[in-house]
Amino acid sequence: TGSLANTGEVTAELFRLGVPMANLEMIQYHPTTVEQGGKRMLLSEAARGEGGRLLALRNGKPWYFMEEKYPELGNLMPRDITAREVWTV
């Protein structure tokens, strides 16, 4: 999460080459980050719990995509759903 350069490609290549790996299910992707100074900084999910809103720019204007797609919980949707939507957007 913290690096713009860390894409998981090295792990994927090692996996492709047959290097034994374990506990890969313990790797977490954290969808709530902000880019600052060439890196991504982690924002606690507590920020969303306290009213922080996820947005993307659409046509130059803020688009609160989680609130639009999931009006019942919006930004408080579980991490797996939020991560999928962030990736999609």
PDB file of N, CA and C in Angstrom:
ATOM      1  N   THR A   1       0.816  -1.202   0.000  1.00  0.00           N
ATOM      2  CA  THR A   1       0.000   0.000   0.000  1.00  0.00           C
ATOM      3  C   THR A   1       0.850   1.252   0.000  1.00  0.00           C
ATOM      4  N   GLY A   2       2.017   1.212   0.661  1.00  0.00           N
ATOM      5  CA  GLY A   2       2.787   2.426   0.854  1.00  0.00           C
ATOM      6  C   GLY A   2       3.613   2.881  -0.325  1.00  0.00           C
ATOM      7  N   SER A   3       3.772   2.076  -1.339  1.00  0.00           N
ATOM      8  CA  SER A   3       4.666   2.422  -2.432  1.00  0.00           C
ATOM      9  C   SER A   3       3.927   2.418  -3.762  1.00  0.00           C
ATOM     10  N   LEU A   4       4.216   3.412  -4.581  1.00  0.00           N
ATOM     11  CA  LEU A   4       3.633   3.424  -5.923  1.00  0.00           C
ATOM     12  C   LEU A   4       4.317   2.393  -6.818  1.00  0.00           C
ATOM     13  N   ALA A   5       5.536   1.975  -6.442  1.00  0.00           N
ATOM     14  CA  ALA A   5       6.294   1.022  -7.252  1.00  0.00           C
ATOM     15  C   ALA A   5       5.999  -0.428  -6.889  1.00  0.00           C
ATOM     16  N   ASN A   6       5.466  -0.693  -5.708  1.00  0.00           N
ATOM     17  CA  ASN A   6       5.208  -2.060  -5.262  1.00  0.00           C
ATOM     18  C   ASN A   6       3.897  -2.552  -5.869  1.00  0.00           C
ATOM     19  N   THR A   7       4.028  -3.310  -6.943  1.00  0.00           N
ATOM     20  CA  THR A   7       2.839  -3.761  -7.669  1.00  0.00           C
ATOM     21  C   THR A   7       2.550  -5.244  -7.479  1.00  0.00           C
ATOM     22  N   GLY A   8       3.444  -5.956  -6.785  1.00  0.00           N
ATOM     23  CA  GLY A   8       3.257  -7.389  -6.608  1.00  0.00           C
ATOM     24  C   GLY A   8       3.844  -8.209  -7.738  1.00  0.00           C
ATOM     25  N   GLU A   9       4.470  -7.568  -8.707  1.00  0.00           N
ATOM     26  CA  GLU A   9       5.011  -8.283  -9.869  1.00  0.00           C
ATOM     27  C   GLU A   9       6.120  -9.262  -9.494  1.00  0.00           C
ATOM     28  N   VAL A  10       6.953  -8.906  -8.532  1.00  0.00           N
ATOM     29  CA  VAL A  10       8.052  -9.797  -8.142  1.00  0.00           C
ATOM     30  C   VAL A  10       7.492 -11.073  -7.530  1.00  0.00           C
ATOM     31  N   THR A  11       6.531 -10.942  -6.626  1.00  0.00           N
ATOM     32  CA  THR A  11       5.903 -12.112  -6.022  1.00  0.00           C
ATOM     33  C   THR A  11       5.237 -12.971  -7.087  1.00  0.00           C
ATOM     34  N   ALA A  12       4.543 -12.333  -8.020  1.00  0.00           N
ATOM     35  CA  ALA A  12       3.876 -13.077  -9.095  1.00  0.00           C
ATOM     36  C   ALA A  12       4.890 -13.840  -9.945  1.00  0.00           C
ATOM     37  N   GLU A  13       6.022 -13.220 -10.253  1.00  0.00           N
ATOM     38  CA  GLU A  13       7.032 -13.889 -11.064  1.00  0.00           C
ATOM     39  C   GLU A  13       7.648 -15.067 -10.312  1.00  0.00           C
ATOM     40  N   LEU A  14       7.945 -14.881  -9.031  1.00  0.00           N
ATOM     41  CA  LEU A  14       8.484 -15.980  -8.238  1.00  0.00           C
ATOM     42  C   LEU A  14       7.485 -17.136  -8.156  1.00  0.00           C
ATOM     43  N   PHE A  15       6.215 -16.820  -7.990  1.00  0.00           N
ATOM     44  CA  PHE A  15       5.166 -17.837  -7.971  1.00  0.00           C
ATOM     45  C   PHE A  15       5.137 -18.589  -9.303  1.00  0.00           C
ATOM     46  N   ARG A  16       5.216 -17.834 -10.406  1.00  0.00           N
ATOM     47  CA  ARG A  16       5.209 -18.434 -11.745  1.00  0.00           C
ATOM     48  C   ARG A  16       6.396 -19.375 -11.936  1.00  0.00           C
ATOM     49  N   LEU A  17       7.531 -19.024 -11.323  1.00  0.00           N
ATOM     50  CA  LEU A  17       8.735 -19.847 -11.439  1.00  0.00           C
ATOM     51  C   LEU A  17       8.732 -21.045 -10.499  1.00  0.00           C
ATOM     52  N   GLY A  18       7.700 -21.164  -9.674  1.00  0.00           N
ATOM     53  CA  GLY A  18       7.573 -22.324  -8.804  1.00  0.00           C
ATOM     54  C   GLY A  18       8.188 -22.184  -7.424  1.00  0.00           C
ATOM     55  N   VAL A  19       8.571 -20.985  -7.031  1.00  0.00           N
ATOM     56  CA  VAL A  19       9.117 -20.779  -5.692  1.00  0.00           C
ATOM     57  C   VAL A  19       8.011 -21.066  -4.675  1.00  0.00           C
ATOM     58  N   PRO A  20       8.286 -21.935  -3.691  1.00  0.00           N
ATOM     59  CA  PRO A  20       7.258 -22.246  -2.690  1.00  0.00           C
ATOM     60  C   PRO A  20       6.862 -21.001  -1.890  1.00  0.00           C
ATOM     61  N   MET A  21       5.576 -20.844  -1.683  1.00  0.00           N
ATOM     62  CA  MET A  21       5.057 -19.716  -0.912  1.00  0.00           C
ATOM     63  C   MET A  21       4.008 -20.239   0.053  1.00  0.00           C
ATOM     64  N   ALA A  22       3.832 -19.517   1.129  1.00  0.00           N
ATOM     65  CA  ALA A  22       2.850 -19.929   2.130  1.00  0.00           C
ATOM     66  C   ALA A  22       2.158 -18.705   2.710  1.00  0.00           C
ATOM     67  N   ASN A  23       0.971 -18.916   3.200  1.00  0.00           N
ATOM     68  CA  ASN A  23       0.203 -17.889   3.911  1.00  0.00           C
ATOM     69  C   ASN A  23      -0.076 -16.644   3.064  1.00  0.00           C
ATOM     70  N   LEU A  24      -0.217 -16.825   1.770  1.00  0.00           N
ATOM     71  CA  LEU A  24      -0.481 -15.671   0.915  1.00  0.00           C
ATOM     72  C   LEU A  24      -1.831 -15.017   1.232  1.00  0.00           C
ATOM     73  N   GLU A  25      -2.709 -15.777   1.860  1.00  0.00           N
ATOM     74  CA  GLU A  25      -4.006 -15.194   2.228  1.00  0.00           C
ATOM     75  C   GLU A  25      -3.874 -14.145   3.325  1.00  0.00           C
ATOM     76  N   MET A  26      -2.699 -14.077   3.941  1.00  0.00           N
ATOM     77  CA  MET A  26      -2.480 -13.107   5.013  1.00  0.00           C
ATOM     78  C   MET A  26      -2.043 -11.740   4.477  1.00  0.00           C
ATOM     79  N   ILE A  27      -1.769 -11.655   3.172  1.00  0.00           N
ATOM     80  CA  ILE A  27      -1.406 -10.374   2.575  1.00  0.00           C
ATOM     81  C   ILE A  27      -2.684  -9.565   2.410  1.00  0.00           C
ATOM     82  N   GLN A  28      -2.652  -8.334   2.879  1.00  0.00           N
ATOM     83  CA  GLN A  28      -3.842  -7.497   2.804  1.00  0.00           C
ATOM     84  C   GLN A  28      -3.604  -6.315   1.877  1.00  0.00           C
ATOM     85  N   TYR A  29      -4.631  -5.981   1.176  1.00  0.00           N
ATOM     86  CA  TYR A  29      -4.653  -4.749   0.393  1.00  0.00           C
ATOM     87  C   TYR A  29      -5.507  -3.779   1.169  1.00  0.00           C
ATOM     88  N   HIS A  30      -5.028  -2.597   1.390  1.00  0.00           N
ATOM     89  CA  HIS A  30      -5.807  -1.597   2.116  1.00  0.00           C
ATOM     90  C   HIS A  30      -6.269  -0.543   1.124  1.00  0.00           C
ATOM     91  N   PRO A  31      -7.568  -0.443   0.896  1.00  0.00           N
ATOM     92  CA  PRO A  31      -8.077   0.416  -0.168  1.00  0.00           C
ATOM     93  C   PRO A  31      -8.062   1.908   0.146  1.00  0.00           C
ATOM     94  N   THR A  32      -7.870   2.281   1.398  1.00  0.00           N
ATOM     95  CA  THR A  32      -8.001   3.683   1.758  1.00  0.00           C
ATOM     96  C   THR A  32      -6.621   4.307   1.916  1.00  0.00           C
ATOM     97  N   THR A  33      -6.141   4.890   0.833  1.00  0.00           N
ATOM     98  CA  THR A  33      -4.843   5.550   0.841  1.00  0.00           C
ATOM     99  C   THR A  33      -4.962   6.893   0.140  1.00  0.00           C
ATOM    100  N   VAL A  34      -3.944   7.698   0.317  1.00  0.00           N
ATOM    101  CA  VAL A  34      -3.876   8.968  -0.394  1.00  0.00           C
ATOM    102  C   VAL A  34      -2.455   9.108  -0.927  1.00  0.00           C
ATOM    103  N   GLU A  35      -2.331   9.551  -2.162  1.00  0.00           N
ATOM    104  CA  GLU A  35      -1.006   9.750  -2.754  1.00  0.00           C
ATOM    105  C   GLU A  35      -0.470  11.102  -2.302  1.00  0.00           C
ATOM    106  N   GLN A  36       0.734  11.077  -1.780  1.00  0.00           N
ATOM    107  CA  GLN A  36       1.363  12.305  -1.277  1.00  0.00           C
ATOM    108  C   GLN A  36       2.866  12.179  -1.463  1.00  0.00           C
ATOM    109  N   GLY A  37       3.467  13.069  -2.191  1.00  0.00           N
ATOM    110  CA  GLY A  37       4.911  13.087  -2.334  1.00  0.00           C
ATOM    111  C   GLY A  37       5.502  11.828  -2.938  1.00  0.00           C
ATOM    112  N   GLY A  38       4.834  11.215  -3.914  1.00  0.00           N
ATOM    113  CA  GLY A  38       5.375  10.060  -4.600  1.00  0.00           C
ATOM    114  C   GLY A  38       5.182   8.739  -3.887  1.00  0.00           C
ATOM    115  N   LYS A  39       4.387   8.699  -2.842  1.00  0.00           N
ATOM    116  CA  LYS A  39       4.075   7.432  -2.188  1.00  0.00           C
ATOM    117  C   LYS A  39       2.626   7.452  -1.730  1.00  0.00           C
ATOM    118  N   ARG A  40       2.136   6.315  -1.372  1.00  0.00           N
ATOM    119  CA  ARG A  40       0.767   6.223  -0.861  1.00  0.00           C
ATOM    120  C   ARG A  40       0.826   6.122   0.654  1.00  0.00           C
ATOM    121  N   MET A  41       0.040   6.950   1.300  1.00  0.00           N
ATOM    122  CA  MET A  41      -0.018   6.922   2.755  1.00  0.00           C
ATOM    123  C   MET A  41      -1.321   6.245   3.174  1.00  0.00           C
ATOM    124  N   LEU A  42      -1.208   5.358   4.132  1.00  0.00           N
ATOM    125  CA  LEU A  42      -2.352   4.623   4.635  1.00  0.00           C
ATOM    126  C   LEU A  42      -3.226   5.515   5.499  1.00  0.00           C
ATOM    127  N   LEU A  43      -4.511   5.480   5.226  1.00  0.00           N
ATOM    128  CA  LEU A  43      -5.482   6.164   6.071  1.00  0.00           C
ATOM    129  C   LEU A  43      -6.265   5.102   6.814  1.00  0.00           C
ATOM    130  N   SER A  44      -6.404   5.251   8.079  1.00  0.00           N
ATOM    131  CA  SER A  44      -7.117   4.269   8.877  1.00  0.00           C
ATOM    132  C   SER A  44      -8.569   4.156   8.417  1.00  0.00           C
ATOM    133  N   GLU A  45      -9.083   2.935   8.466  1.00  0.00           N
ATOM    134  CA  GLU A  45     -10.501   2.759   8.152  1.00  0.00           C
ATOM    135  C   GLU A  45     -11.363   3.507   9.165  1.00  0.00           C
ATOM    136  N   ALA A  46     -10.767   3.823  10.307  1.00  0.00           N
ATOM    137  CA  ALA A  46     -11.501   4.610  11.297  1.00  0.00           C
ATOM    138  C   ALA A  46     -11.873   5.972  10.724  1.00  0.00           C
ATOM    139  N   ALA A  47     -11.060   6.480   9.766  1.00  0.00           N
ATOM    140  CA  ALA A  47     -11.386   7.770   9.147  1.00  0.00           C
ATOM    141  C   ALA A  47     -12.719   7.673   8.405  1.00  0.00           C
ATOM    142  N   ARG A  48     -12.947   6.540   7.724  1.00  0.00           N
ATOM    143  CA  ARG A  48     -14.239   6.358   7.056  1.00  0.00           C
ATOM    144  C   ARG A  48     -15.342   6.197   8.080  1.00  0.00           C
ATOM    145  N   GLY A  49     -15.035   5.512   9.166  1.00  0.00           N
ATOM    146  CA  GLY A  49     -16.018   5.314  10.221  1.00  0.00           C
ATOM    147  C   GLY A  49     -16.437   6.612  10.893  1.00  0.00           C
ATOM    148  N   GLU A  50     -15.542   7.588  10.863  1.00  0.00           N
ATOM    149  CA  GLU A  50     -15.829   8.886  11.470  1.00  0.00           C
ATOM    150  C   GLU A  50     -16.355   9.908  10.468  1.00  0.00           C
ATOM    151  N   GLY A  51     -16.690   9.426   9.275  1.00  0.00           N
ATOM    152  CA  GLY A  51     -17.307  10.321   8.296  1.00  0.00           C
ATOM    153  C   GLY A  51     -16.454  10.643   7.086  1.00  0.00           C
ATOM    154  N   GLY A  52     -15.238  10.079   7.010  1.00  0.00           N
ATOM    155  CA  GLY A  52     -14.413  10.282   5.819  1.00  0.00           C
ATOM    156  C   GLY A  52     -15.101   9.690   4.602  1.00  0.00           C
ATOM    157  N   ARG A  53     -14.976  10.361   3.466  1.00  0.00           N
ATOM    158  CA  ARG A  53     -15.675   9.937   2.262  1.00  0.00           C
ATOM    159  C   ARG A  53     -14.680   9.611   1.153  1.00  0.00           C
ATOM    160  N   LEU A  54     -14.900   8.474   0.480  1.00  0.00           N
ATOM    161  CA  LEU A  54     -14.071   8.094  -0.655  1.00  0.00           C
ATOM    162  C   LEU A  54     -14.594   8.793  -1.896  1.00  0.00           C
ATOM    163  N   LEU A  55     -13.666   9.331  -2.685  1.00  0.00           N
ATOM    164  CA  LEU A  55     -14.085   9.990  -3.909  1.00  0.00           C
ATOM    165  C   LEU A  55     -13.051   9.788  -4.999  1.00  0.00           C
ATOM    166  N   ALA A  56     -13.496   9.965  -6.206  1.00  0.00           N
ATOM    167  CA  ALA A  56     -12.645  10.023  -7.385  1.00  0.00           C
ATOM    168  C   ALA A  56     -13.126  11.224  -8.184  1.00  0.00           C
ATOM    169  N   LEU A  57     -12.261  11.736  -9.028  1.00  0.00           N
ATOM    170  CA  LEU A  57     -12.696  12.843  -9.880  1.00  0.00           C
ATOM    171  C   LEU A  57     -13.335  12.275 -11.138  1.00  0.00           C
ATOM    172  N   ARG A  58     -14.490  12.799 -11.459  1.00  0.00           N
ATOM    173  CA  ARG A  58     -15.193  12.426 -12.690  1.00  0.00           C
ATOM    174  C   ARG A  58     -15.612  13.726 -13.357  1.00  0.00           C
ATOM    175  N   ASN A  59     -15.123  13.932 -14.561  1.00  0.00           N
ATOM    176  CA  ASN A  59     -15.362  15.189 -15.281  1.00  0.00           C
ATOM    177  C   ASN A  59     -14.903  16.392 -14.457  1.00  0.00           C
ATOM    178  N   GLY A  60     -13.809  16.197 -13.725  1.00  0.00           N
ATOM    179  CA  GLY A  60     -13.222  17.278 -12.933  1.00  0.00           C
ATOM    180  C   GLY A  60     -13.936  17.598 -11.635  1.00  0.00           C
ATOM    181  N   LYS A  61     -14.937  16.800 -11.283  1.00  0.00           N
ATOM    182  CA  LYS A  61     -15.703  17.055 -10.066  1.00  0.00           C
ATOM    183  C   LYS A  61     -15.658  15.843  -9.155  1.00  0.00           C
ATOM    184  N   PRO A  62     -15.754  16.039  -7.826  1.00  0.00           N
ATOM    185  CA  PRO A  62     -15.763  14.895  -6.902  1.00  0.00           C
ATOM    186  C   PRO A  62     -16.934  13.962  -7.191  1.00  0.00           C
ATOM    187  N   TRP A  63     -16.624  12.681  -7.219  1.00  0.00           N
ATOM    188  CA  TRP A  63     -17.633  11.639  -7.426  1.00  0.00           C
ATOM    189  C   TRP A  63     -17.538  10.687  -6.249  1.00  0.00           C
ATOM    190  N   TYR A  64     -18.539  10.656  -5.418  1.00  0.00           N
ATOM    191  CA  TYR A  64     -18.583   9.800  -4.231  1.00  0.00           C
ATOM    192  C   TYR A  64     -19.168   8.450  -4.641  1.00  0.00           C
ATOM    193  N   PHE A  65     -18.337   7.651  -5.302  1.00  0.00           N
ATOM    194  CA  PHE A  65     -18.782   6.429  -5.959  1.00  0.00           C
ATOM    195  C   PHE A  65     -19.346   5.387  -5.003  1.00  0.00           C
ATOM    196  N   MET A  66     -18.805   5.273  -3.808  1.00  0.00           N
ATOM    197  CA  MET A  66     -19.330   4.282  -2.857  1.00  0.00           C
ATOM    198  C   MET A  66     -20.737   4.671  -2.400  1.00  0.00           C
ATOM    199  N   GLU A  67     -20.958   5.938  -2.194  1.00  0.00           N
ATOM    200  CA  GLU A  67     -22.278   6.409  -1.766  1.00  0.00           C
ATOM    201  C   GLU A  67     -23.309   6.239  -2.871  1.00  0.00           C
ATOM    202  N   GLU A  68     -22.858   6.386  -4.110  1.00  0.00           N
ATOM    203  CA  GLU A  68     -23.763   6.222  -5.245  1.00  0.00           C
ATOM    204  C   GLU A  68     -24.145   4.758  -5.439  1.00  0.00           C
ATOM    205  N   LYS A  69     -23.153   3.872  -5.372  1.00  0.00           N
ATOM    206  CA  LYS A  69     -23.418   2.460  -5.646  1.00  0.00           C
ATOM    207  C   LYS A  69     -24.028   1.729  -4.454  1.00  0.00           C
ATOM    208  N   TYR A  70     -23.656   2.130  -3.242  1.00  0.00           N
ATOM    209  CA  TYR A  70     -24.139   1.454  -2.024  1.00  0.00           C
ATOM    210  C   TYR A  70     -24.767   2.485  -1.080  1.00  0.00           C
ATOM    211  N   PRO A  71     -25.924   3.012  -1.436  1.00  0.00           N
ATOM    212  CA  PRO A  71     -26.512   4.089  -0.630  1.00  0.00           C
ATOM    213  C   PRO A  71     -26.808   3.690   0.813  1.00  0.00           C
ATOM    214  N   GLU A  72     -27.005   2.391   1.061  1.00  0.00           N
ATOM    215  CA  GLU A  72     -27.343   1.968   2.419  1.00  0.00           C
ATOM    216  C   GLU A  72     -26.159   2.090   3.385  1.00  0.00           C
ATOM    217  N   LEU A  73     -24.948   1.806   2.938  1.00  0.00           N
ATOM    218  CA  LEU A  73     -23.763   1.902   3.802  1.00  0.00           C
ATOM    219  C   LEU A  73     -22.676   2.803   3.245  1.00  0.00           C
ATOM    220  N   GLY A  74     -22.709   3.059   1.951  1.00  0.00           N
ATOM    221  CA  GLY A  74     -21.741   3.966   1.333  1.00  0.00           C
ATOM    222  C   GLY A  74     -20.304   3.641   1.667  1.00  0.00           C
ATOM    223  N   ASN A  75     -19.620   4.570   2.316  1.00  0.00           N
ATOM    224  CA  ASN A  75     -18.207   4.442   2.644  1.00  0.00           C
ATOM    225  C   ASN A  75     -17.928   3.415   3.738  1.00  0.00           C
ATOM    226  N   LEU A  76     -18.945   2.883   4.348  1.00  0.00           N
ATOM    227  CA  LEU A  76     -18.771   1.920   5.434  1.00  0.00           C
ATOM    228  C   LEU A  76     -18.905   0.469   4.968  1.00  0.00           C
ATOM    229  N   MET A  77     -18.915   0.261   3.671  1.00  0.00           N
ATOM    230  CA  MET A  77     -18.961  -1.108   3.144  1.00  0.00           C
ATOM    231  C   MET A  77     -17.697  -1.849   3.579  1.00  0.00           C
ATOM    232  N   PRO A  78     -17.744  -3.179   3.662  1.00  0.00           N
ATOM    233  CA  PRO A  78     -16.575  -3.959   4.068  1.00  0.00           C
ATOM    234  C   PRO A  78     -15.386  -3.758   3.123  1.00  0.00           C
ATOM    235  N   ARG A  79     -14.201  -4.042   3.647  1.00  0.00           N
ATOM    236  CA  ARG A  79     -12.956  -3.804   2.925  1.00  0.00           C
ATOM    237  C   ARG A  79     -12.903  -4.508   1.571  1.00  0.00           C
ATOM    238  N   ASP A  80     -13.377  -5.755   1.493  1.00  0.00           N
ATOM    239  CA  ASP A  80     -13.273  -6.471   0.221  1.00  0.00           C
ATOM    240  C   ASP A  80     -14.106  -5.795  -0.863  1.00  0.00           C
ATOM    241  N   ILE A  81     -15.273  -5.343  -0.509  1.00  0.00           N
ATOM    242  CA  ILE A  81     -16.139  -4.658  -1.479  1.00  0.00           C
ATOM    243  C   ILE A  81     -15.547  -3.300  -1.836  1.00  0.00           C
ATOM    244  N   THR A  82     -15.086  -2.584  -0.829  1.00  0.00           N
ATOM    245  CA  THR A  82     -14.480  -1.271  -1.062  1.00  0.00           C
ATOM    246  C   THR A  82     -13.266  -1.397  -1.964  1.00  0.00           C
ATOM    247  N   ALA A  83     -12.405  -2.379  -1.692  1.00  0.00           N
ATOM    248  CA  ALA A  83     -11.205  -2.583  -2.504  1.00  0.00           C
ATOM    249  C   ALA A  83     -11.570  -2.883  -3.957  1.00  0.00           C
ATOM    250  N   ARG A  84     -12.589  -3.709  -4.155  1.00  0.00           N
ATOM    251  CA  ARG A  84     -13.022  -4.038  -5.520  1.00  0.00           C
ATOM    252  C   ARG A  84     -13.529  -2.786  -6.237  1.00  0.00           C
ATOM    253  N   GLU A  85     -14.289  -1.967  -5.539  1.00  0.00           N
ATOM    254  CA  GLU A  85     -14.824  -0.744  -6.166  1.00  0.00           C
ATOM    255  C   GLU A  85     -13.711   0.253  -6.454  1.00  0.00           C
ATOM    256  N   VAL A  86     -12.757   0.403  -5.545  1.00  0.00           N
ATOM    257  CA  VAL A  86     -11.629   1.307  -5.787  1.00  0.00           C
ATOM    258  C   VAL A  86     -10.876   0.850  -7.034  1.00  0.00           C
ATOM    259  N   TRP A  87     -10.635  -0.455  -7.152  1.00  0.00           N
ATOM    260  CA  TRP A  87      -9.934  -0.992  -8.326  1.00  0.00           C
ATOM    261  C   TRP A  87     -10.724  -0.712  -9.593  1.00  0.00           C
ATOM    262  N   THR A  88     -12.026  -0.924  -9.537  1.00  0.00           N
ATOM    263  CA  THR A  88     -12.880  -0.709 -10.698  1.00  0.00           C
ATOM    264  C   THR A  88     -12.869   0.760 -11.132  1.00  0.00           C
ATOM    265  N   VAL A  89     -12.983   1.639 -10.149  1.00  0.00           N
ATOM    266  CA  VAL A  89     -12.997   3.084 -10.447  1.00  0.00           C
ATOM    267  C   VAL A  89     -11.641   3.523 -10.931  1.00  0.00           C
TER     268      VAL A  89
END
